[in-house]
Each structure stands twice: as structure tokens, then as C-alpha cells.
C-alpha atoms as a PDB file:
ATOM      1  CA  UNK A   1     -35.814 -43.795  26.846  1.00  0.00           C
ATOM      2  CA  UNK A   2     -36.307 -47.552  26.856  1.00  0.00           C
ATOM      3  CA  UNK A   3     -33.003 -48.890  28.246  1.00  0.00           C
ATOM      4  CA  UNK A   4     -32.142 -52.579  28.393  1.00  0.00           C
ATOM      5  CA  UNK A   5     -28.913 -53.721  30.053  1.00  0.00           C
ATOM      6  CA  UNK A   6     -26.991 -56.360  28.093  1.00  0.00           C
ATOM      7  CA  UNK A   7     -23.405 -56.131  29.268  1.00  0.00           C
ATOM      8  CA  UNK A   8     -20.638 -57.105  26.866  1.00  0.00           C
ATOM      9  CA  UNK A   9     -17.401 -58.706  28.080  1.00  0.00           C
ATOM     10  CA  UNK A  10     -15.486 -56.815  25.416  1.00  0.00           C
ATOM     11  CA  UNK A  11     -14.011 -53.746  27.081  1.00  0.00           C
ATOM     12  CA  UNK A  12     -10.979 -52.599  29.008  1.00  0.00           C
ATOM     13  CA  UNK A  13      -9.671 -49.536  30.810  1.00  0.00           C
ATOM     14  CA  UNK A  14      -9.146 -46.266  28.990  1.00  0.00           C
ATOM     15  CA  UNK A  15      -5.581 -44.907  28.868  1.00  0.00           C
ATOM     16  CA  UNK A  16      -4.576 -42.963  31.958  1.00  0.00           C
ATOM     17  CA  UNK A  17      -5.720 -39.369  31.684  1.00  0.00           C
ATOM     18  CA  UNK A  18      -7.740 -39.917  28.503  1.00  0.00           C
ATOM     19  CA  UNK A  19     -10.647 -37.511  28.212  1.00  0.00           C
ATOM     20  CA  UNK A  20     -13.866 -38.699  26.579  1.00  0.00           C
ATOM     21  CA  UNK A  21     -14.205 -36.137  23.799  1.00  0.00           C
ATOM     22  CA  UNK A  22     -15.294 -38.078  20.671  1.00  0.00           C
ATOM     23  CA  UNK A  23     -18.667 -39.638  19.821  1.00  0.00           C
ATOM     24  CA  UNK A  24     -18.599 -42.241  17.027  1.00  0.00           C
ATOM     25  CA  UNK A  25     -21.781 -43.431  15.306  1.00  0.00           C
ATOM     26  CA  UNK A  26     -22.001 -46.777  13.492  1.00  0.00           C
ATOM     27  CA  UNK A  27     -24.486 -49.081  11.861  1.00  0.00           C
ATOM     28  CA  UNK A  28     -24.419 -52.733  12.857  1.00  0.00           C
ATOM     29  CA  UNK A  29     -24.131 -54.043   9.280  1.00  0.00           C
ATOM     30  CA  UNK A  30     -25.733 -57.380  10.134  1.00  0.00           C
ATOM     31  CA  UNK A  31     -28.967 -58.996   8.975  1.00  0.00           C
ATOM     32  CA  UNK A  32     -30.815 -58.748  12.302  1.00  0.00           C
ATOM     33  CA  UNK A  33     -30.606 -56.950  15.613  1.00  0.00           C
ATOM     34  CA  UNK A  34     -30.296 -60.304  17.368  1.00  0.00           C
ATOM     35  CA  UNK A  35     -27.226 -61.232  15.328  1.00  0.00           C
ATOM     36  CA  UNK A  36     -25.657 -57.841  16.000  1.00  0.00           C
ATOM     37  CA  UNK A  37     -26.321 -57.996  19.725  1.00  0.00           C
ATOM     38  CA  UNK A  38     -24.906 -61.503  19.911  1.00  0.00           C
ATOM     39  CA  UNK A  39     -21.726 -60.431  18.137  1.00  0.00           C
ATOM     40  CA  UNK A  40     -21.245 -57.343  20.301  1.00  0.00           C
ATOM     41  CA  UNK A  41     -21.503 -59.581  23.372  1.00  0.00           C
ATOM     42  CA  UNK A  42     -19.372 -62.436  21.994  1.00  0.00           C
ATOM     43  CA  UNK A  43     -16.002 -62.579  23.736  1.00  0.00           C
ATOM     44  CA  UNK A  44     -14.388 -64.301  20.759  1.00  0.00           C
ATOM     45  CA  UNK A  45     -15.539 -61.545  18.375  1.00  0.00           C
ATOM     46  CA  UNK A  46     -13.584 -58.949  20.389  1.00  0.00           C
ATOM     47  CA  UNK A  47     -15.878 -56.087  19.315  1.00  0.00           C
ATOM     48  CA  UNK A  48     -18.345 -53.984  21.258  1.00  0.00           C
ATOM     49  CA  UNK A  49     -19.888 -50.549  21.640  1.00  0.00           C
ATOM     50  CA  UNK A  50     -21.220 -48.590  24.569  1.00  0.00           C
ATOM     51  CA  UNK A  51     -24.767 -48.659  23.189  1.00  0.00           C
ATOM     52  CA  UNK A  52     -26.847 -50.293  20.471  1.00  0.00           C
ATOM     53  CA  UNK A  53     -30.148 -48.771  19.319  1.00  0.00           C
ATOM     54  CA  UNK A  54     -32.724 -51.106  17.788  1.00  0.00           C
ATOM     55  CA  UNK A  55     -35.108 -49.997  15.054  1.00  0.00           C
ATOM     56  CA  UNK A  56     -37.975 -49.631  17.557  1.00  0.00           C
ATOM     57  CA  UNK A  57     -35.876 -47.216  19.637  1.00  0.00           C
ATOM     58  CA  UNK A  58     -34.839 -49.678  22.339  1.00  0.00           C
ATOM     59  CA  UNK A  59     -31.387 -48.788  23.657  1.00  0.00           C
ATOM     60  CA  UNK A  60     -29.132 -51.625  24.780  1.00  0.00           C
ATOM     61  CA  UNK A  61     -26.434 -50.599  27.242  1.00  0.00           C
ATOM     62  CA  UNK A  62     -23.401 -52.766  26.537  1.00  0.00           C
ATOM     63  CA  UNK A  63     -20.317 -51.133  28.060  1.00  0.00           C
ATOM     64  CA  UNK A  64     -20.209 -48.507  30.853  1.00  0.00           C
ATOM     65  CA  UNK A  65     -19.111 -45.105  29.569  1.00  0.00           C
ATOM     66  CA  UNK A  66     -16.034 -44.881  31.818  1.00  0.00           C
ATOM     67  CA  UNK A  67     -14.619 -48.005  30.125  1.00  0.00           C
ATOM     68  CA  UNK A  68     -13.164 -48.364  26.633  1.00  0.00           C
ATOM     69  CA  UNK A  69     -15.392 -50.243  24.184  1.00  0.00           C
ATOM     70  CA  UNK A  70     -13.885 -51.833  21.081  1.00  0.00           C
ATOM     71  CA  UNK A  71     -15.811 -50.215  18.232  1.00  0.00           C
ATOM     72  CA  UNK A  72     -13.600 -47.989  16.086  1.00  0.00           C
ATOM     73  CA  UNK A  73     -10.691 -50.343  15.380  1.00  0.00           C
ATOM     74  CA  UNK A  74      -7.768 -48.902  13.438  1.00  0.00           C
ATOM     75  CA  UNK A  75      -8.813 -45.273  13.214  1.00  0.00           C
ATOM     76  CA  UNK A  76      -7.728 -41.632  13.307  1.00  0.00           C
ATOM     77  CA  UNK A  77      -9.339 -38.309  14.146  1.00  0.00           C
ATOM     78  CA  UNK A  78      -7.703 -34.916  14.701  1.00  0.00           C
ATOM     79  CA  UNK A  79      -4.320 -36.392  15.570  1.00  0.00           C
ATOM     80  CA  UNK A  80      -5.677 -39.202  17.747  1.00  0.00           C
ATOM     81  CA  UNK A  81      -4.945 -42.773  16.669  1.00  0.00           C
ATOM     82  CA  UNK A  82      -6.491 -44.432  19.731  1.00  0.00           C
ATOM     83  CA  UNK A  83     -10.031 -43.279  18.989  1.00  0.00           C
ATOM     84  CA  UNK A  84     -11.492 -46.010  21.206  1.00  0.00           C
ATOM     85  CA  UNK A  85      -9.575 -44.616  24.142  1.00  0.00           C
ATOM     86  CA  UNK A  86     -11.299 -41.220  23.921  1.00  0.00           C
ATOM     87  CA  UNK A  87     -14.713 -42.037  22.493  1.00  0.00           C
ATOM     88  CA  UNK A  88     -18.227 -43.279  23.117  1.00  0.00           C
ATOM     89  CA  UNK A  89     -19.478 -45.691  20.445  1.00  0.00           C
ATOM     90  CA  UNK A  90     -23.128 -46.082  19.423  1.00  0.00           C
ATOM     91  CA  UNK A  91     -24.337 -48.798  17.039  1.00  0.00           C
ATOM     92  CA  UNK A  92     -27.593 -48.299  15.114  1.00  0.00           C
ATOM     93  CA  UNK A  93     -29.320 -51.464  13.915  1.00  0.00           C
ATOM     94  CA  UNK A  94     -29.257 -51.446  10.110  1.00  0.00           C
ATOM     95  CA  UNK A  95     -28.293 -54.208   7.625  1.00  0.00           C
ATOM     96  CA  UNK A  96     -25.887 -51.779   5.997  1.00  0.00           C
ATOM     97  CA  UNK A  97     -24.504 -51.755   2.489  1.00  0.00           C
ATOM     98  CA  UNK A  98     -23.723 -55.482   2.506  1.00  0.00           C
ATOM     99  CA  UNK A  99     -27.174 -56.784   3.460  1.00  0.00           C
ATOM    100  CA  UNK A 100     -29.597 -54.180   2.102  1.00  0.00           C
ATOM    101  CA  UNK A 101     -29.017 -50.654   3.379  1.00  0.00           C
ATOM    102  CA  UNK A 102     -32.258 -48.986   4.491  1.00  0.00           C
ATOM    103  CA  UNK A 103     -33.226 -45.648   6.083  1.00  0.00           C
ATOM    104  CA  UNK A 104     -32.973 -45.310   9.830  1.00  0.00           C
ATOM    105  CA  UNK A 105     -36.301 -45.139  11.661  1.00  0.00           C
ATOM    106  CA  UNK A 106     -37.796 -42.160  13.469  1.00  0.00           C
ATOM    107  CA  UNK A 107     -37.835 -44.231  16.662  1.00  0.00           C
ATOM    108  CA  UNK A 108     -34.122 -44.921  16.299  1.00  0.00           C
ATOM    109  CA  UNK A 109     -33.266 -41.309  15.625  1.00  0.00           C
ATOM    110  CA  UNK A 110     -35.391 -40.055  18.500  1.00  0.00           C
ATOM    111  CA  UNK A 111     -33.661 -42.464  20.870  1.00  0.00           C
ATOM    112  CA  UNK A 112     -30.265 -41.495  19.464  1.00  0.00           C
ATOM    113  CA  UNK A 113     -30.937 -37.791  19.963  1.00  0.00           C
ATOM    114  CA  UNK A 114     -32.049 -38.314  23.562  1.00  0.00           C
ATOM    115  CA  UNK A 115     -29.102 -40.592  24.312  1.00  0.00           C
ATOM    116  CA  UNK A 116     -26.621 -38.223  22.670  1.00  0.00           C
ATOM    117  CA  UNK A 117     -27.894 -35.242  24.650  1.00  0.00           C
ATOM    118  CA  UNK A 118     -27.172 -37.194  27.815  1.00  0.00           C
ATOM    119  CA  UNK A 119     -23.694 -38.147  26.621  1.00  0.00           C
ATOM    120  CA  UNK A 120     -22.876 -34.568  25.639  1.00  0.00           C
ATOM    121  CA  UNK A 121     -24.024 -33.357  29.052  1.00  0.00           C
ATOM    122  CA  UNK A 122     -21.570 -35.756  30.720  1.00  0.00           C
ATOM    123  CA  UNK A 123     -18.553 -35.330  28.443  1.00  0.00           C
ATOM    124  CA  UNK A 124     -16.882 -32.367  26.671  1.00  0.00           C
ATOM    125  CA  UNK A 125     -17.532 -33.448  23.075  1.00  0.00           C
ATOM    126  CA  UNK A 126     -17.511 -30.505  20.619  1.00  0.00           C
ATOM    127  CA  UNK A 127     -19.567 -30.648  17.390  1.00  0.00           C
ATOM    128  CA  UNK A 128     -16.623 -31.451  15.100  1.00  0.00           C
ATOM    129  CA  UNK A 129     -15.839 -34.527  17.216  1.00  0.00           C
ATOM    130  CA  UNK A 130     -19.244 -36.146  16.635  1.00  0.00           C
ATOM    131  CA  UNK A 131     -18.315 -38.393  13.724  1.00  0.00           C
ATOM    132  CA  UNK A 132     -19.159 -41.541  11.819  1.00  0.00           C
ATOM    133  CA  UNK A 133     -17.124 -44.728  11.626  1.00  0.00           C
ATOM    134  CA  UNK A 134     -16.351 -43.873   8.008  1.00  0.00           C
ATOM    135  CA  UNK A 135     -14.925 -40.514   9.104  1.00  0.00           C
ATOM    136  CA  UNK A 136     -12.357 -42.113  11.409  1.00  0.00           C
ATOM    137  CA  UNK A 137     -11.653 -45.160   9.187  1.00  0.00           C
ATOM    138  CA  UNK A 138     -12.428 -44.144   5.582  1.00  0.00           C
ATOM    139  CA  UNK A 139     -10.279 -46.868   4.023  1.00  0.00           C
ATOM    140  CA  UNK A 140     -12.298 -49.597   5.774  1.00  0.00           C
ATOM    141  CA  UNK A 141     -15.766 -48.390   6.681  1.00  0.00           C
ATOM    142  CA  UNK A 142     -18.908 -46.854   5.118  1.00  0.00           C
ATOM    143  CA  UNK A 143     -21.113 -46.519   8.194  1.00  0.00           C
ATOM    144  CA  UNK A 144     -23.397 -45.009   9.207  1.00  0.00           C
ATOM    145  CA  UNK A 145     -23.593 -44.120   5.516  1.00  0.00           C
ATOM    146  CA  UNK A 146     -25.264 -41.659   3.203  1.00  0.00           C
ATOM    147  CA  UNK A 147     -28.787 -42.406   4.487  1.00  0.00           C
ATOM    148  CA  UNK A 148     -27.934 -41.221   7.970  1.00  0.00           C
ATOM    149  CA  UNK A 149     -29.463 -37.731   8.581  1.00  0.00           C
ATOM    150  CA  UNK A 150     -26.571 -35.863  10.148  1.00  0.00           C
ATOM    151  CA  UNK A 151     -28.390 -32.582   9.491  1.00  0.00           C
ATOM    152  CA  UNK A 152     -31.201 -33.686  11.802  1.00  0.00           C
ATOM    153  CA  UNK A 153     -28.782 -34.273  14.661  1.00  0.00           C
ATOM    154  CA  UNK A 154     -27.139 -30.909  14.017  1.00  0.00           C
ATOM    155  CA  UNK A 155     -30.543 -29.225  14.331  1.00  0.00           C
ATOM    156  CA  UNK A 156     -30.720 -30.764  17.813  1.00  0.00           C
ATOM    157  CA  UNK A 157     -27.288 -29.429  18.760  1.00  0.00           C
ATOM    158  CA  UNK A 158     -25.456 -32.709  18.093  1.00  0.00           C
ATOM    159  CA  UNK A 159     -22.532 -32.565  15.667  1.00  0.00           C
ATOM    160  CA  UNK A 160     -21.501 -30.143  12.952  1.00  0.00           C
ATOM    161  CA  UNK A 161     -23.203 -29.230   9.700  1.00  0.00           C
ATOM    162  CA  UNK A 162     -22.094 -26.806   6.962  1.00  0.00           C
ATOM    163  CA  UNK A 163     -23.356 -23.285   7.481  1.00  0.00           C
ATOM    164  CA  UNK A 164     -21.553 -19.957   7.270  1.00  0.00           C
ATOM    165  CA  UNK A 165     -18.496 -19.668   5.063  1.00  0.00           C
ATOM    166  CA  UNK A 166     -15.053 -19.704   6.670  1.00  0.00           C
ATOM    167  CA  UNK A 167     -11.974 -18.926   4.636  1.00  0.00           C
ATOM    168  CA  UNK A 168     -10.337 -21.978   3.072  1.00  0.00           C
ATOM    169  CA  UNK A 169      -6.601 -22.509   3.015  1.00  0.00           C
ATOM    170  CA  UNK A 170      -6.880 -23.131  -0.728  1.00  0.00           C
ATOM    171  CA  UNK A 171      -5.636 -26.711  -0.386  1.00  0.00           C
ATOM    172  CA  UNK A 172      -8.425 -29.284  -0.045  1.00  0.00           C
ATOM    173  CA  UNK A 173      -6.354 -32.019   1.626  1.00  0.00           C
ATOM    174  CA  UNK A 174      -4.948 -29.502   4.103  1.00  0.00           C
ATOM    175  CA  UNK A 175      -8.490 -28.430   4.965  1.00  0.00           C
ATOM    176  CA  UNK A 176      -9.529 -32.067   5.471  1.00  0.00           C
ATOM    177  CA  UNK A 177      -6.678 -32.468   7.943  1.00  0.00           C
ATOM    178  CA  UNK A 178      -7.572 -29.189   9.681  1.00  0.00           C
ATOM    179  CA  UNK A 179     -11.090 -30.485  10.284  1.00  0.00           C
ATOM    180  CA  UNK A 180      -9.857 -33.791  11.684  1.00  0.00           C
ATOM    181  CA  UNK A 181      -9.630 -36.349   8.877  1.00  0.00           C
ATOM    182  CA  UNK A 182      -6.542 -38.489   8.520  1.00  0.00           C
ATOM    183  CA  UNK A 183      -4.894 -37.822   5.163  1.00  0.00           C
ATOM    184  CA  UNK A 184      -1.728 -39.055   3.408  1.00  0.00           C
ATOM    185  CA  UNK A 185       1.043 -39.330   4.421  1.00  0.00           C
ATOM    186  CA  UNK A 186      -0.063 -39.159   8.073  1.00  0.00           C
ATOM    187  CA  UNK A 187      -2.538 -42.001   7.519  1.00  0.00           C
ATOM    188  CA  UNK A 188      -2.309 -44.845   5.002  1.00  0.00           C
ATOM    189  CA  UNK A 189      -5.418 -43.967   3.028  1.00  0.00           C
ATOM    190  CA  UNK A 190      -6.189 -42.900  -0.534  1.00  0.00           C
ATOM    191  CA  UNK A 191      -7.292 -39.270  -0.980  1.00  0.00           C
ATOM    192  CA  UNK A 192     -10.513 -40.357  -2.709  1.00  0.00           C
ATOM    193  CA  UNK A 193     -11.394 -42.538   0.299  1.00  0.00           C
ATOM    194  CA  UNK A 194     -11.193 -39.548   2.629  1.00  0.00           C
ATOM    195  CA  UNK A 195     -13.199 -37.377   0.216  1.00  0.00           C
ATOM    196  CA  UNK A 196     -15.835 -40.121   0.009  1.00  0.00           C
ATOM    197  CA  UNK A 197     -16.076 -40.196   3.807  1.00  0.00           C
ATOM    198  CA  UNK A 198     -16.609 -36.429   3.875  1.00  0.00           C
ATOM    199  CA  UNK A 199     -19.342 -36.751   1.247  1.00  0.00           C
ATOM    200  CA  UNK A 200     -21.119 -39.601   3.041  1.00  0.00           C
ATOM    201  CA  UNK A 201     -21.340 -37.402   6.122  1.00  0.00           C
ATOM    202  CA  UNK A 202     -21.932 -33.933   4.719  1.00  0.00           C
ATOM    203  CA  UNK A 203     -23.059 -34.345   1.054  1.00  0.00           C
ATOM    204  CA  UNK A 204     -24.826 -37.692   0.754  1.00  0.00           C
ATOM    205  CA  UNK A 205     -26.676 -36.710  -2.426  1.00  0.00           C
ATOM    206  CA  UNK A 206     -23.478 -37.236  -4.432  1.00  0.00           C
ATOM    207  CA  UNK A 207     -20.833 -39.621  -3.129  1.00  0.00           C
ATOM    208  CA  UNK A 208     -18.219 -39.919  -5.870  1.00  0.00           C
ATOM    209  CA  UNK A 209     -14.871 -39.291  -4.164  1.00  0.00           C
ATOM    210  CA  UNK A 210     -14.207 -36.185  -6.267  1.00  0.00           C
ATOM    211  CA  UNK A 211     -13.265 -32.944  -4.529  1.00  0.00           C
ATOM    212  CA  UNK A 212     -15.404 -30.495  -6.480  1.00  0.00           C
ATOM    213  CA  UNK A 213     -16.192 -26.857  -5.693  1.00  0.00           C
ATOM    214  CA  UNK A 214     -19.232 -27.738  -3.590  1.00  0.00           C
ATOM    215  CA  UNK A 215     -17.123 -30.025  -1.390  1.00  0.00           C
ATOM    216  CA  UNK A 216     -14.515 -27.297  -0.967  1.00  0.00           C
ATOM    217  CA  UNK A 217     -17.178 -24.805   0.083  1.00  0.00           C
ATOM    218  CA  UNK A 218     -18.872 -27.081   2.595  1.00  0.00           C
ATOM    219  CA  UNK A 219     -15.520 -28.135   4.074  1.00  0.00           C
ATOM    220  CA  UNK A 220     -14.474 -24.510   4.457  1.00  0.00           C
ATOM    221  CA  UNK A 221     -17.730 -23.805   6.279  1.00  0.00           C
ATOM    222  CA  UNK A 222     -17.029 -26.626   8.726  1.00  0.00           C
ATOM    223  CA  UNK A 223     -13.573 -25.512   9.731  1.00  0.00           C
ATOM    224  CA  UNK A 224     -13.138 -24.295  13.264  1.00  0.00           C
ATOM    225  CA  UNK A 225     -11.295 -21.003  13.314  1.00  0.00           C
END
């Protein structure tokens, strides 16, 4: 891996006793890598991540893993509202939906897979806690988006992907909550926003916010018994 140290001032201590057990993937959503790196290292911006991966596969180390980076913002996953306190955040350079969303590069994905294997070897992060920013903040975020190949990471042992069928509860919103998503009334979010987040991650071919039979089946297959 090609690692370049570019330390950000935007971090603080994790809560006492907090275990690092969530990995959150983002896209930068800015026009250039230089702009993104500058923002992640700008004290006044008050945002950061542990790592940023450029399109040529260069990995910038921004915040040490033991510290809390400021990447997830207002978020929720599996009962946890302080996602930053328990997570590692990785930004992938991509203009995003606002500036011309494009596929991620093979160099980026190769670097991400190598980096993630290292992170998973250091921290107890189960597959269903490898998530996107849109998964933990569906009312606000779209990243890393429907062009991100989650299936490819799952083939490498990173994250979950639908496979064998597990019995559904019969209630789609209940199943979303069982998997980890924040749903009403626990979280102030519209049901269609949560469904859209699920689709961006696990069914990117059709992102319409409608809980159809295919969505129910793939969600049931993701549930941890």
C-alpha cells in the first residue's frame, strides 16, 4: 500500500470504553482530491476521516485509529447514536452525485480492500457493521452510492451481502431495524429514505425507495440470526 501521512487536526478522544466495531465508507463528494484533502485537514471545517483513498490508490492517513475522527455526523446504527465514537471512517475520492458521480477505480478498490483487511485484523468489526454513510444517515447522505461495488468487498470477506434465505419477521421496517438501520420513531427519518439507503447498498440496480418483494427477500437474507 502507498501510504502518505497528512494528519488532520480534527479529532478527539473516543468515549471511555468504546470499542471500535463499525467501519463506515464514504465518498468525498468534492470536485478534486486536493479540495477534499484540504477540507478534511481544515480546522474550521470540523470534519475528518481516518483515511482518504485517492483514485490512483494512494492512501492518506489523516487520524490515528485510536482517536475519534469526525466523519459520520448525526447518525445511527444498531442502537448506537455516536457512530463516530465506535467507528473507523474511510473517504474515497469521487465527485459524488453533486459534481458528476463516476465509478470507483480498480486502484482505489484494491487499496480499500488491503486497508480494510488490516483494519478488520485490528478491530472486532463483524460484516453487518461494515456500512456506508447513507446507511447510518439515510436522511442526509447518499454516499458511497449505487456505483460502489459492495459485492466485491464481500467476496474479499469485508462486509455483508445477500445470500442464503433467513426467515423474515413479516414486517419490513422491523427487519430493517433488526439489521441495524434507524427507523421511525427511533430515528427522525422517512421510511422511504431508509429503504433507499438499503437499495443503494444492496440493490443498486433499482433505487426507488419502494419496499418490494425483492427488497424483502434480500433483507431477510442479511439478517443475523
